[in-house]
Protein backbone atom coordinates (compact mmCIF):
# COMPACT_ATOMS: atom_id res chain seq x y z
CA UNK A 1 -6.51 22.22 6.87
CA UNK A 2 -6.63 18.59 7.99
CA UNK A 3 -4.59 16.56 10.48
CA UNK A 4 -5.39 12.87 10.92
CA UNK A 5 -3.71 11.04 13.79
CA UNK A 6 -3.97 7.27 13.47
CA UNK A 7 -2.14 4.15 14.60
CA UNK A 8 -0.41 3.83 11.22
CA UNK A 9 1.07 7.33 11.27
CA UNK A 10 0.32 11.01 11.04
CA UNK A 11 -1.00 12.59 7.85
CA UNK A 12 -2.31 15.99 7.04
CA UNK A 13 -2.30 18.94 4.71
CA UNK A 14 0.67 21.28 4.67
CA UNK A 15 0.17 24.75 6.13
CA UNK A 16 -2.19 26.35 8.62
CA UNK A 17 -2.08 26.55 12.38
CA UNK A 18 -0.40 23.95 14.57
CA UNK A 19 -2.77 21.10 15.34
CA UNK A 20 -5.00 21.88 12.38
CA UNK A 21 -2.71 20.65 9.58
CA UNK A 22 0.66 18.98 9.28
CA UNK A 23 2.57 22.03 10.49
CA UNK A 24 6.30 22.04 11.30
CA UNK A 25 5.40 21.95 15.01
CA UNK A 26 3.28 18.84 14.48
CA UNK A 27 6.06 17.14 12.51
CA UNK A 28 8.51 17.77 15.36
CA UNK A 29 6.07 16.63 18.05
CA UNK A 30 5.16 13.34 16.42
CA UNK A 31 8.75 12.57 15.40
CA UNK A 32 9.89 13.14 18.99
CA UNK A 33 7.03 10.96 20.26
CA UNK A 34 7.97 8.14 17.89
CA UNK A 35 11.60 8.41 18.97
CA UNK A 36 10.62 8.33 22.66
CA UNK A 37 8.50 5.22 22.15
CA UNK A 38 11.15 3.42 20.10
CA UNK A 39 13.86 4.27 22.65
CA UNK A 40 11.72 2.76 25.41
CA UNK A 41 11.12 -0.37 23.32
CA UNK A 42 14.80 -0.79 22.50
CA UNK A 43 15.87 -0.02 26.05
CA UNK A 44 18.51 2.40 24.83
CA UNK A 45 18.88 6.07 23.97
CA UNK A 46 21.32 5.69 21.08
CA UNK A 47 19.39 4.30 18.13
CA UNK A 48 19.62 4.28 14.35
CA UNK A 49 16.53 5.27 12.33
CA UNK A 50 16.17 5.22 8.53
CA UNK A 51 14.32 8.11 6.86
CA UNK A 52 13.13 8.04 3.24
CA UNK A 53 10.64 10.15 1.30
CA UNK A 54 8.63 10.37 -1.88
CA UNK A 55 9.01 13.30 -4.28
CA UNK A 56 6.09 15.46 -3.20
CA UNK A 57 6.71 19.20 -2.99
CA UNK A 58 6.76 19.40 0.81
CA UNK A 59 9.11 16.43 1.14
CA UNK A 60 12.36 18.34 1.53
CA UNK A 61 10.91 20.57 4.27
CA UNK A 62 9.37 17.67 6.19
CA UNK A 63 12.53 15.61 5.77
CA UNK A 64 14.64 18.39 7.29
CA UNK A 65 12.31 18.62 10.27
CA UNK A 66 12.21 14.86 10.86
CA UNK A 67 15.96 14.36 10.53
CA UNK A 68 16.70 17.36 12.74
CA UNK A 69 14.26 16.20 15.40
CA UNK A 70 15.69 12.69 15.47
CA UNK A 71 19.18 14.17 15.88
CA UNK A 72 17.80 16.32 18.68
CA UNK A 73 16.52 13.17 20.37
CA UNK A 74 20.02 11.68 20.21
CA UNK A 75 19.17 9.33 17.35
CA UNK A 76 21.59 8.55 14.52
CA UNK A 77 19.85 8.90 11.14
CA UNK A 78 20.39 7.05 7.87
CA UNK A 79 18.87 9.50 5.41
CA UNK A 80 18.18 7.67 2.13
CA UNK A 81 16.49 10.66 0.47
CA UNK A 82 14.15 10.05 -2.46
CA UNK A 83 13.07 6.43 -2.08
CA UNK A 84 10.01 4.25 -2.47
CA UNK A 85 8.16 3.01 0.58
CA UNK A 86 9.38 -0.59 0.06
CA UNK A 87 12.92 0.68 -0.48
CA UNK A 88 12.81 2.35 2.92
CA UNK A 89 11.41 -0.81 4.50
CA UNK A 90 14.26 -2.86 3.04
CA UNK A 91 16.80 -0.27 4.16
CA UNK A 92 15.70 -0.63 7.80
CA UNK A 93 16.67 -4.30 7.91
CA UNK A 94 19.74 -3.84 5.70
CA UNK A 95 21.05 -1.21 8.13
CA UNK A 96 20.08 -3.30 11.16
CA UNK A 97 18.30 -0.12 12.24
CA UNK A 98 15.88 0.27 15.13
CA UNK A 99 13.07 1.64 12.95
CA UNK A 100 12.19 3.90 10.09
CA UNK A 101 10.05 6.86 9.05
CA UNK A 102 8.63 7.13 5.54
CA UNK A 103 7.58 10.61 4.48
CA UNK A 104 4.72 10.05 2.08
CA UNK A 105 0.99 10.60 1.89
CA UNK A 106 0.77 7.69 -0.54
CA UNK A 107 -2.00 8.35 -3.10
CA UNK A 108 -3.19 11.61 -1.51
CA UNK A 109 -2.92 14.85 -3.55
CA UNK A 110 0.14 17.11 -3.46
CA UNK A 111 -1.01 19.26 -0.50
CA UNK A 112 -0.79 16.20 1.78
CA UNK A 113 2.17 14.60 3.49
CA UNK A 114 2.57 12.06 6.26
CA UNK A 115 4.89 10.29 8.66
CA UNK A 116 4.55 6.51 8.30
CA UNK A 117 6.23 4.70 11.14
CA UNK A 118 8.19 1.43 10.96
CA UNK A 119 9.55 -1.00 13.54
CA UNK A 120 12.96 -2.69 13.49
CA UNK A 121 11.67 -5.30 11.00
CA UNK A 122 10.81 -2.57 8.48
CA UNK A 123 7.08 -3.18 9.06
CA UNK A 124 4.34 -0.76 10.06
CA UNK A 125 3.66 -0.44 13.77
CA UNK A 126 0.73 -2.33 15.24
CA UNK A 127 -2.33 -0.85 16.92
CA UNK A 128 -0.89 -0.94 20.43
CA UNK A 129 2.34 0.82 19.44
CA UNK A 130 0.50 3.45 17.46
CA UNK A 131 -1.77 4.31 20.36
CA UNK A 132 1.18 4.64 22.73
CA UNK A 133 2.89 7.10 20.37
CA UNK A 134 -0.30 9.17 20.11
CA UNK A 135 -0.49 9.20 23.92
CA UNK A 136 3.11 10.43 24.17
CA UNK A 137 2.32 13.16 21.65
CA UNK A 138 -0.80 14.26 23.54
CA UNK A 139 1.14 14.61 26.79
CA UNK A 140 4.31 15.87 25.06
CA UNK A 141 6.30 13.59 27.36
CA UNK A 142 9.53 13.58 25.41
CA UNK A 143 12.97 14.93 26.33
CA UNK A 144 15.58 16.13 23.87
CA UNK A 145 19.25 15.17 24.10
CA UNK A 146 21.97 17.40 25.46
CA UNK A 147 24.59 18.78 23.10
CA UNK A 148 27.17 16.02 23.55
CA UNK A 149 24.54 13.35 22.85
CA UNK A 150 23.06 14.67 19.60
CA UNK A 151 22.63 12.18 16.77
CA UNK A 152 24.58 12.17 13.52
CA UNK A 153 23.36 11.78 9.93
CA UNK A 154 24.61 9.41 7.24
CA UNK A 155 23.43 9.93 3.66
CA UNK A 156 22.87 6.81 1.54
CA UNK A 157 21.01 5.78 -1.61
CA UNK A 158 19.19 2.44 -1.48
CA UNK A 159 17.53 2.33 -4.92
CA UNK A 160 20.18 0.11 -6.50
CA UNK A 161 20.05 -2.16 -3.46
CA UNK A 162 16.30 -2.58 -3.96
CA UNK A 163 16.69 -3.33 -7.68
CA UNK A 164 19.37 -5.94 -6.96
CA UNK A 165 17.14 -7.42 -4.27
CA UNK A 166 14.33 -7.97 -6.80
CA UNK A 167 16.72 -9.49 -9.37
CA UNK A 168 17.97 -11.96 -6.76
CA UNK A 169 14.51 -13.38 -6.02
CA UNK A 170 14.39 -17.00 -7.24
CA UNK A 171 11.04 -16.54 -9.01
CA UNK A 172 12.14 -13.44 -10.95
CA UNK A 173 13.62 -14.85 -14.17
CA UNK A 174 15.66 -12.17 -15.90
CA UNK A 175 16.58 -14.38 -18.87
CA UNK A 176 12.94 -15.25 -19.58
CA UNK A 177 11.92 -11.58 -19.38
CA UNK A 178 14.80 -10.50 -21.62
CA UNK A 179 13.96 -13.17 -24.21
CA UNK A 180 10.35 -11.95 -24.36
CA UNK A 181 11.61 -8.64 -25.79
CA UNK A 182 8.84 -6.70 -24.07
CA UNK A 183 8.05 -3.06 -24.70
CA UNK A 184 6.94 -1.69 -21.34
CA UNK A 185 5.37 1.63 -20.33
CA UNK A 186 5.60 3.12 -16.86
CA UNK A 187 3.63 6.01 -15.36
CA UNK A 188 5.14 7.04 -12.03
CA UNK A 189 2.96 10.14 -11.51
CA UNK A 190 6.06 12.36 -11.15
CA UNK A 191 7.35 10.73 -7.99
CA UNK A 192 10.01 8.26 -6.91
CA UNK A 193 8.77 5.46 -9.17
CA UNK A 194 10.33 7.46 -11.99
CA UNK A 195 13.72 6.91 -10.36
CA UNK A 196 13.39 3.28 -9.32
CA UNK A 197 11.30 1.53 -11.99
CA UNK A 198 13.25 2.54 -15.13
CA UNK A 199 16.34 1.20 -13.35
CA UNK A 200 14.52 -2.01 -12.53
CA UNK A 201 13.25 -2.50 -16.09
CA UNK A 202 16.73 -2.00 -17.53
CA UNK A 203 18.18 -4.48 -15.05
CA UNK A 204 15.45 -6.98 -16.03
CA UNK A 205 16.58 -6.77 -19.64
CA UNK A 206 13.70 -4.63 -20.89
CA UNK A 207 15.31 -2.50 -23.59
CA UNK A 208 12.18 -0.81 -24.98
CA UNK A 209 10.40 1.46 -22.51
CA UNK A 210 7.93 4.33 -22.66
CA UNK A 211 8.34 6.66 -19.68
CA UNK A 212 5.23 8.65 -18.73
CA UNK A 213 5.37 11.24 -15.93
CA UNK A 214 8.71 9.87 -14.75
CA UNK A 215 10.32 13.16 -13.69
CA UNK A 216 10.35 13.10 -9.89
CA UNK A 217 9.15 16.70 -9.45
CA UNK A 218 6.26 16.10 -7.06
CA UNK A 219 3.94 18.00 -9.39
CA UNK A 220 1.58 15.11 -10.04
CA UNK A 221 0.45 15.02 -13.68
CA UNK A 222 -2.90 13.48 -12.71
CA UNK A 223 -4.75 12.46 -9.57
CA UNK A 224 -2.12 10.19 -7.99
CA UNK A 225 -4.34 7.25 -7.02
CA UNK A 226 -3.91 4.65 -9.80
CA UNK A 227 -7.61 4.16 -10.58
CA UNK A 228 -9.07 3.84 -14.12
CA UNK A 229 -10.74 7.26 -14.04
CA UNK A 230 -7.35 8.87 -13.35
CA UNK A 231 -5.50 6.99 -16.09
CA UNK A 232 -7.45 7.84 -19.24
CA UNK A 233 -4.56 9.73 -20.88
CA UNK A 234 -2.03 7.12 -19.77
CA UNK A 235 -4.16 4.34 -21.29
CA UNK A 236 -4.38 6.24 -24.57
CA UNK A 237 -0.60 6.64 -24.71
CA UNK A 238 -0.07 2.93 -24.00
CA UNK A 239 -2.51 1.93 -26.75
CA UNK A 240 -0.90 4.35 -29.22
CA UNK A 241 2.70 3.36 -28.44
CA UNK A 242 2.14 -0.35 -29.06
CA UNK A 243 3.53 -1.57 -25.75
CA UNK A 244 3.07 -5.08 -24.36
CA UNK A 245 2.14 -3.93 -20.86
CA UNK A 246 1.89 -0.71 -18.90
CA UNK A 247 2.58 -0.25 -15.19
CA UNK A 248 1.25 2.60 -13.06
CA UNK A 249 2.29 3.24 -9.46
CA UNK A 250 1.25 5.66 -6.76
CA UNK A 251 3.69 8.30 -5.40
CA UNK A 252 5.36 5.95 -2.89
CA UNK A 253 5.33 2.87 -5.17
CA UNK A 254 3.65 0.31 -2.94
CA UNK A 255 0.63 -0.06 -5.25
CA UNK A 256 0.80 -1.48 -8.76
CA UNK A 257 -1.84 -1.03 -11.46
CA UNK A 258 -1.47 -2.79 -14.80
CA UNK A 259 -2.74 -1.64 -18.20
CA UNK A 260 -3.18 -4.09 -21.09
CA UNK A 261 -1.54 -3.67 -24.49
CA UNK A 262 -4.79 -2.28 -25.93
CA UNK A 263 -5.10 0.42 -23.27
CA UNK A 264 -7.75 -1.43 -21.26
CA UNK A 265 -7.30 -1.88 -17.53
CA UNK A 266 -6.01 -5.19 -16.19
CA UNK A 267 -7.81 -4.06 -13.00
CA UNK A 268 -5.77 -3.41 -9.88
CA UNK A 269 -7.82 -6.03 -7.99
CA UNK A 270 -6.24 -8.55 -10.36
CA UNK A 271 -2.60 -7.48 -9.87
CA UNK A 272 -2.28 -9.62 -6.74
CA UNK A 273 -4.26 -12.50 -8.30
CA UNK A 274 -1.98 -12.71 -11.35
CA UNK A 275 1.21 -12.54 -9.28
CA UNK A 276 -0.21 -15.13 -6.87
CA UNK A 277 -1.10 -17.39 -9.81
CA UNK A 278 2.55 -17.42 -10.85
CA UNK A 279 3.95 -17.81 -7.32
CA UNK A 280 1.55 -20.64 -6.46
CA UNK A 281 2.37 -22.47 -9.71
CA UNK A 282 5.97 -22.67 -8.53
CA UNK A 283 5.62 -22.77 -4.73
CA UNK A 284 2.10 -23.78 -3.56
CA UNK A 285 1.01 -22.35 -0.21
CA UNK A 286 -1.48 -20.20 1.65
CA UNK A 287 -2.62 -16.71 0.63
CA UNK A 288 -4.19 -13.71 2.37
CA UNK A 289 -5.95 -10.51 1.34
CA UNK A 290 -8.22 -8.16 3.25
CA UNK A 291 -12.00 -8.49 3.53
CA UNK A 292 -12.64 -5.76 0.95
CA UNK A 293 -10.48 -7.39 -1.74
CA UNK A 294 -11.77 -9.37 -4.70
CA UNK A 295 -12.75 -13.03 -4.44
CA UNK A 296 -10.47 -13.78 -7.39
CA UNK A 297 -7.46 -14.42 -5.12
CA UNK A 298 -9.43 -17.12 -3.30
CA UNK A 299 -10.36 -18.68 -6.66
CA UNK A 300 -6.74 -18.72 -7.82
CA UNK A 301 -5.57 -20.15 -4.49
CA UNK A 302 -8.12 -22.95 -4.47
CA UNK A 303 -7.16 -23.85 -8.06
CA UNK A 304 -3.85 -25.03 -6.62
CA UNK A 305 -5.48 -26.86 -3.71
CA UNK A 306 -4.25 -24.25 -1.22
CA UNK A 307 -5.97 -22.25 1.51
CA UNK A 308 -7.05 -18.61 1.43
CA UNK A 309 -7.73 -16.44 4.51
CA UNK A 310 -9.10 -12.91 4.87
CA UNK A 311 -7.83 -10.26 7.26
CA UNK A 312 -9.15 -6.97 8.56
CA UNK A 313 -8.52 -4.02 6.23
CA UNK A 314 -5.07 -2.43 6.55
CA UNK A 315 -1.59 -3.58 5.59
CA UNK A 316 -0.53 -4.30 9.16
CA UNK A 317 -3.54 -6.62 9.54
CA UNK A 318 -2.79 -8.41 6.27
CA UNK A 319 0.82 -8.98 7.35
CA UNK A 320 -0.27 -10.30 10.76
CA UNK A 321 -2.67 -12.76 9.13
CA UNK A 322 -0.01 -13.84 6.64
CA UNK A 323 2.35 -14.64 9.48
CA UNK A 324 -0.37 -16.49 11.38
CA UNK A 325 -1.17 -18.69 8.37
CA UNK A 326 2.37 -18.96 6.95
CA UNK A 327 1.12 -17.42 3.71
CA UNK A 328 3.59 -17.30 0.82
CA UNK A 329 1.84 -14.46 -1.02
CA UNK A 330 -0.75 -11.88 -0.05
CA UNK A 331 -1.69 -8.24 -0.16
CA UNK A 332 -4.59 -5.94 -0.89
CA UNK A 333 -6.94 -5.40 -3.80
CA UNK A 334 -5.57 -1.92 -4.39
CA UNK A 335 -2.64 -3.41 -6.29
CA UNK A 336 -0.55 -4.09 -3.19
CA UNK A 337 1.59 -7.24 -3.50
CA UNK A 338 3.23 -8.63 -0.34
CA UNK A 339 5.77 -11.39 -1.00
CA UNK A 340 7.36 -12.49 2.30
CA UNK A 341 10.31 -14.14 0.53
CA UNK A 342 11.27 -10.53 -0.23
CA UNK A 343 9.87 -8.66 2.77
CA UNK A 344 6.56 -8.11 4.54
CA UNK A 345 5.44 -4.93 2.82
CA UNK A 346 3.57 -3.97 -0.34
CA UNK A 347 6.12 -3.62 -3.12
CA UNK A 348 5.40 -2.60 -6.72
CA UNK A 349 8.97 -3.42 -7.82
CA UNK A 350 8.62 -6.99 -6.60
CA UNK A 351 5.21 -7.11 -8.27
CA UNK A 352 6.67 -5.98 -11.60
CA UNK A 353 9.48 -8.55 -11.50
CA UNK A 354 7.09 -11.42 -10.74
CA UNK A 355 4.40 -10.27 -13.18
CA UNK A 356 6.78 -9.86 -16.12
CA UNK A 357 8.15 -13.35 -15.47
CA UNK A 358 4.59 -14.70 -15.41
CA UNK A 359 3.63 -12.87 -18.62
CA UNK A 360 6.78 -14.03 -20.40
CA UNK A 361 6.21 -17.66 -19.37
CA UNK A 362 2.59 -17.58 -20.51
CA UNK A 363 3.52 -16.22 -23.95
CA UNK A 364 0.21 -14.36 -24.05
CA UNK A 365 -0.86 -10.80 -24.60
CA UNK A 366 -1.56 -9.01 -21.34
CA UNK A 367 -5.28 -8.81 -22.12
CA UNK A 368 -5.32 -12.55 -22.88
CA UNK A 369 -3.75 -13.30 -19.51
CA UNK A 370 -6.36 -11.15 -17.80
CA UNK A 371 -9.11 -13.13 -19.57
CA UNK A 372 -7.92 -16.35 -17.95
CA UNK A 373 -9.18 -15.19 -14.55
CA UNK A 374 -12.82 -15.12 -13.37
CA UNK A 375 -14.50 -11.75 -13.87
CA UNK A 376 -15.79 -9.91 -10.82
CA UNK A 377 -16.97 -6.34 -10.43
CA UNK A 378 -16.78 -4.26 -7.25
CA UNK A 379 -19.21 -1.48 -6.35
CA UNK A 380 -18.06 1.00 -3.70
CA UNK A 381 -20.70 2.99 -1.83
CA UNK A 382 -21.33 4.65 1.50
CA UNK A 383 -24.34 5.68 3.52
CA UNK A 384 -24.28 8.90 5.52
CA UNK A 385 -25.53 8.69 9.09
CA UNK A 386 -26.28 11.23 11.77
CA UNK A 387 -23.79 11.30 14.69
CA UNK A 388 -26.32 9.99 17.21
CA UNK A 389 -26.95 6.74 15.31
CA UNK A 390 -25.30 3.67 16.87
CA UNK A 391 -23.33 2.25 13.94
CA UNK A 392 -22.16 -0.79 15.90
CA UNK A 393 -25.76 -1.68 16.67
CA UNK A 394 -26.70 -1.40 13.00
CA UNK A 395 -23.84 -3.70 12.00
CA UNK A 396 -24.88 -6.19 14.70
CA UNK A 397 -28.44 -6.18 13.35
CA UNK A 398 -27.18 -6.76 9.80
CA UNK A 399 -25.07 -9.67 11.00
CA UNK A 400 -28.15 -11.16 12.69
CA UNK A 401 -30.35 -10.62 9.63
CA UNK A 402 -27.94 -12.53 7.38
CA UNK A 403 -26.83 -15.15 9.90
CA UNK A 404 -27.79 -17.94 7.50
CA UNK A 405 -25.03 -16.80 5.13
CA UNK A 406 -21.27 -16.98 5.71
CA UNK A 407 -20.55 -13.95 7.91
CA UNK A 408 -17.19 -12.55 9.05
CA UNK A 409 -17.18 -9.85 11.76
CA UNK A 410 -13.48 -9.27 12.40
CA UNK A 411 -13.72 -5.87 10.67
CA UNK A 412 -17.28 -4.64 10.38
CA UNK A 413 -19.54 -7.25 8.77
CA UNK A 414 -18.78 -9.18 5.59
CA UNK A 415 -21.55 -11.34 4.16
CA UNK A 416 -20.52 -14.01 1.66
CA UNK A 417 -23.21 -15.31 -0.67
CA UNK A 418 -22.74 -18.12 -3.20
CA UNK A 419 -21.35 -15.95 -6.00
CA UNK A 420 -21.07 -12.47 -4.47
CA UNK A 421 -20.30 -10.65 -1.23
CA UNK A 422 -20.85 -7.36 0.59
CA UNK A 423 -18.61 -5.77 3.23
CA UNK A 424 -19.88 -3.15 5.67
CA UNK A 425 -17.39 -1.09 7.65
CA UNK A 426 -17.83 2.01 9.76
CA UNK A 427 -15.52 4.95 9.23
CA UNK A 428 -13.21 5.91 12.10
CA UNK A 429 -13.36 9.60 11.20
CA UNK A 430 -16.95 10.36 10.12
CA UNK A 431 -20.48 9.01 10.66
CA UNK A 432 -20.71 6.80 7.58
CA UNK A 433 -20.84 3.11 6.74
CA UNK A 434 -18.73 2.06 3.78
CA UNK A 435 -20.40 -0.58 1.63
CA UNK A 436 -18.27 -2.63 -0.78
CA UNK A 437 -19.99 -5.30 -2.85
CA UNK A 438 -18.71 -7.70 -5.50
CA UNK A 439 -20.60 -9.81 -8.04
CA UNK A 440 -20.18 -11.35 -11.51
CA UNK A 441 -21.48 -8.11 -13.12
CA UNK A 442 -21.50 -4.44 -12.14
CA UNK A 443 -25.30 -4.34 -12.27
CA UNK A 444 -25.45 -7.22 -9.79
CA UNK A 445 -22.84 -5.60 -7.52
CA UNK A 446 -24.78 -2.31 -7.56
CA UNK A 447 -28.06 -4.14 -6.91
CA UNK A 448 -26.57 -5.95 -3.90
CA UNK A 449 -25.24 -2.67 -2.49
CA UNK A 450 -28.61 -0.97 -2.98
CA UNK A 451 -30.42 -3.83 -1.25
CA UNK A 452 -28.09 -3.58 1.74
CA UNK A 453 -28.51 0.20 1.86
CA UNK A 454 -32.29 -0.25 1.99
CA UNK A 455 -31.85 -2.77 4.82
CA UNK A 456 -29.81 -0.22 6.78
CA UNK A 457 -32.32 2.55 6.13
CA UNK A 458 -35.04 0.24 7.42
CA UNK A 459 -33.09 -0.31 10.63
CA UNK A 460 -32.55 3.43 11.07
């Protein structure tokens, strides 16, 4: 059993003893703590909170616990049921609610679930807020409402609202997409993408679709993280069916992976770059991604004479940096597209609408579009350390060693060389250093990572 308490929410495996997994008692405790914190921030007891969930097996149970606890805290609940993460984020602002809770463990396997916590803007809570909620939970300093003050529940469905929202974006051109007569495949890994994305494609004028794993049963047909090694069968189907493009999402639909017409991977690091290419061609401006994301977004941004900035890893950090730099597009290299004209959250539906418009305008095959961008390869490694080793000291020594290069230390240490980079970050949960490196070839990326690992071993 595993229970991970972090500033971005509470996630864990279902079952086991309280405090050791995401048990019903833990769900109640952290929901009550969130409610207590949000009530103090709003300065009122009577609040409205939106609750949405992905399709995983434990979702109905966790949803019942969360909704019941919020009612017990005197909070009115807008229960939107099966919904994508970005749908829930949009619902918070549409309802003028005081916050939201998304029940999803994102790309984690079926035994996991989580409570992801939103503020009144439909955005994830920041570090300070998250720590205060964890403190409330540790002390159990929450008080439930008396019988006359219990909250009430309203049931709503926001999927159609989300689809209409995407169609109404100025840069999503339905007529251009419809005229392209695309045949599109979608793999939603048996979660809520199977509800939302077919609706979106139909509304975009895509008449020919191939639905793969689109039954929202929660029994994931493959490992739910949309990485190439998990999409071998999906790629084969796409190649066989003669589609123009394939889209794959994770269980909560905030990450978007793209598969070319020949079954090859577009590469999820390039999802954001391609969408940004289109957005910048119409509305030039600044961009942001996190330090572990591909350099390709910077290349695309500079092509238009605009400025790129990097943030610390984590969606909340990307959003903060986007606001600080007035970025018009940003996100993460895991296929997460954040388009502030829509809202400040990763949104695969927005990504699909913008990408299909881009592909239709280019009049290229998907693989041909991919070939227009510089090729980079990322190697992901880690080095195991003993608990007594001072990781911060090691990172400081690495920063000193490479001080002649371009170094960024806002989140670990990132070292930028002329045509490659390496990012070193310590884990918050185990004694390891994560080492991400990128170069023009995989051999070069691996070689850079191995050289850095040897440097660290020398310091140890």
